[in-house]
């Protein structure tokens, strides 16, 4: 299972990539998509929505279950990955390439407080 070192992670299995413009892309980890199984539906947030860290902002549904997706940091939703609405299975194919939404963080430093790859690996090892 892949855990890219250049990303940050949440305990609820979202990944966060900081973009050059200061925004962040958010997706679900390989561990999360593997646990969920074949994804069949995604409910994405509304662009412009202001969220707090830990707030439910999206839902992914698989043949096994539905799972909430949480905002990793406080901020506003700047964009959504429209392509996933018609092809949610892209998350199964490439969990780290198929982002769900882009956020503009209230405080960019909050991203640095998320788990690094080593800490996230330790977390998933403890869940097995």
Protein backbone atom coordinates (compact mmCIF):
# COMPACT_ATOMS: atom_id res chain seq x y z
CA UNK A 1 0.00 0.00 0.00
CA UNK A 2 1.30 3.37 -1.05
CA UNK A 3 1.71 6.31 1.36
CA UNK A 4 3.32 9.22 -0.49
CA UNK A 5 5.79 11.12 1.70
CA UNK A 6 4.92 14.51 0.19
CA UNK A 7 1.34 14.49 1.51
CA UNK A 8 -0.26 15.10 4.89
CA UNK A 9 -2.92 12.79 6.34
CA UNK A 10 -5.83 12.82 8.76
CA UNK A 11 -6.74 10.14 11.27
CA UNK A 12 -9.97 9.66 9.29
CA UNK A 13 -7.96 8.64 6.17
CA UNK A 14 -8.05 11.78 4.02
CA UNK A 15 -4.89 12.94 2.26
CA UNK A 16 -3.96 16.59 1.76
CA UNK A 17 -1.64 18.03 -0.91
CA UNK A 18 -0.59 21.68 -0.69
CA UNK A 19 -0.61 23.36 -4.09
CA UNK A 20 1.71 26.20 -5.17
CA UNK A 21 -1.12 28.77 -4.81
CA UNK A 22 -1.62 27.84 -1.13
CA UNK A 23 -4.80 25.86 -1.72
CA UNK A 24 -4.98 22.19 -0.79
CA UNK A 25 -6.36 19.19 -2.64
CA UNK A 26 -8.17 16.61 -0.51
CA UNK A 27 -8.80 12.97 -1.30
CA UNK A 28 -9.08 9.61 0.40
CA UNK A 29 -6.10 7.37 1.00
CA UNK A 30 -5.35 4.04 -0.62
CA UNK A 31 -6.08 2.42 2.75
CA UNK A 32 -9.55 4.02 2.82
CA UNK A 33 -10.52 3.08 -0.73
CA UNK A 34 -9.30 -0.48 -0.16
CA UNK A 35 -11.37 -0.79 3.03
CA UNK A 36 -14.47 0.59 1.30
CA UNK A 37 -14.25 -1.58 -1.81
CA UNK A 38 -15.75 -0.63 -5.16
CA UNK A 39 -16.98 2.98 -5.00
CA UNK A 40 -20.30 3.63 -6.72
CA UNK A 41 -21.35 7.17 -5.70
CA UNK A 42 -19.80 10.39 -4.41
CA UNK A 43 -21.58 13.37 -2.88
CA UNK A 44 -19.25 16.35 -3.17
CA UNK A 45 -19.49 19.67 -1.27
CA UNK A 46 -20.76 22.94 -2.70
CA UNK A 47 -18.11 25.32 -4.01
CA UNK A 48 -17.86 28.32 -1.70
CA UNK A 49 -18.97 26.39 1.39
CA UNK A 50 -17.10 27.41 4.54
CA UNK A 51 -16.13 24.48 6.74
CA UNK A 52 -14.45 23.83 10.07
CA UNK A 53 -11.77 21.20 10.62
CA UNK A 54 -13.41 17.82 11.20
CA UNK A 55 -16.74 18.81 9.62
CA UNK A 56 -18.36 16.32 7.24
CA UNK A 57 -18.05 17.80 3.74
CA UNK A 58 -18.56 14.86 1.39
CA UNK A 59 -19.75 11.25 1.31
CA UNK A 60 -18.43 8.28 -0.64
CA UNK A 61 -20.54 5.18 -1.08
CA UNK A 62 -19.34 1.74 -2.00
CA UNK A 63 -20.99 -1.60 -2.47
CA UNK A 64 -20.10 -2.21 1.22
CA UNK A 65 -20.94 1.06 3.00
CA UNK A 66 -21.16 4.83 2.96
CA UNK A 67 -18.36 6.83 4.53
CA UNK A 68 -18.17 10.48 5.54
CA UNK A 69 -15.29 12.62 4.29
CA UNK A 70 -14.11 15.29 6.73
CA UNK A 71 -12.50 18.68 6.19
CA UNK A 72 -8.85 18.31 7.22
CA UNK A 73 -8.59 22.00 8.13
CA UNK A 74 -10.88 25.02 8.40
CA UNK A 75 -11.44 26.99 5.22
CA UNK A 76 -13.62 27.20 2.17
CA UNK A 77 -14.27 24.80 -0.70
CA UNK A 78 -12.71 26.31 -3.83
CA UNK A 79 -13.44 23.54 -6.36
CA UNK A 80 -14.73 20.00 -6.69
CA UNK A 81 -13.59 17.20 -8.96
CA UNK A 82 -16.65 17.06 -11.24
CA UNK A 83 -15.26 14.05 -13.13
CA UNK A 84 -15.75 11.83 -10.07
CA UNK A 85 -19.52 12.30 -10.17
CA UNK A 86 -19.68 10.13 -13.29
CA UNK A 87 -16.67 7.94 -12.49
CA UNK A 88 -16.32 7.36 -8.72
CA UNK A 89 -14.32 4.22 -9.49
CA UNK A 90 -11.37 6.48 -10.32
CA UNK A 91 -10.76 6.64 -6.57
CA UNK A 92 -10.28 2.88 -6.56
CA UNK A 93 -7.90 3.05 -9.53
CA UNK A 94 -5.73 5.89 -8.21
CA UNK A 95 -6.60 7.09 -4.72
CA UNK A 96 -3.77 9.64 -4.66
CA UNK A 97 -4.43 10.96 -8.16
CA UNK A 98 -8.20 11.39 -7.87
CA UNK A 99 -8.80 14.33 -5.55
CA UNK A 100 -12.29 15.10 -4.21
CA UNK A 101 -12.19 18.84 -3.55
CA UNK A 102 -9.86 21.82 -3.32
CA UNK A 103 -9.87 24.04 -0.22
CA UNK A 104 -8.49 27.44 0.66
CA UNK A 105 -7.34 26.97 4.27
CA UNK A 106 -8.05 29.70 6.83
CA UNK A 107 -4.59 29.06 8.25
CA UNK A 108 -2.05 27.33 5.99
CA UNK A 109 -0.01 26.34 9.07
CA UNK A 110 -2.84 23.98 10.10
CA UNK A 111 -1.90 21.69 7.20
CA UNK A 112 1.54 21.18 8.74
CA UNK A 113 -0.10 19.92 11.93
CA UNK A 114 -1.66 16.95 10.12
CA UNK A 115 0.00 13.53 10.16
CA UNK A 116 3.08 12.99 8.04
CA UNK A 117 3.53 9.73 6.09
CA UNK A 118 5.42 8.00 8.93
CA UNK A 119 2.78 8.88 11.54
CA UNK A 120 -0.03 7.85 9.19
CA UNK A 121 1.71 4.50 8.52
CA UNK A 122 1.94 3.93 12.28
CA UNK A 123 -1.77 4.69 12.61
CA UNK A 124 -2.88 2.23 9.95
CA UNK A 125 -0.51 -0.42 11.31
CA UNK A 126 -2.28 -0.07 14.67
CA UNK A 127 -5.69 -0.51 12.97
CA UNK A 128 -4.82 -3.80 11.29
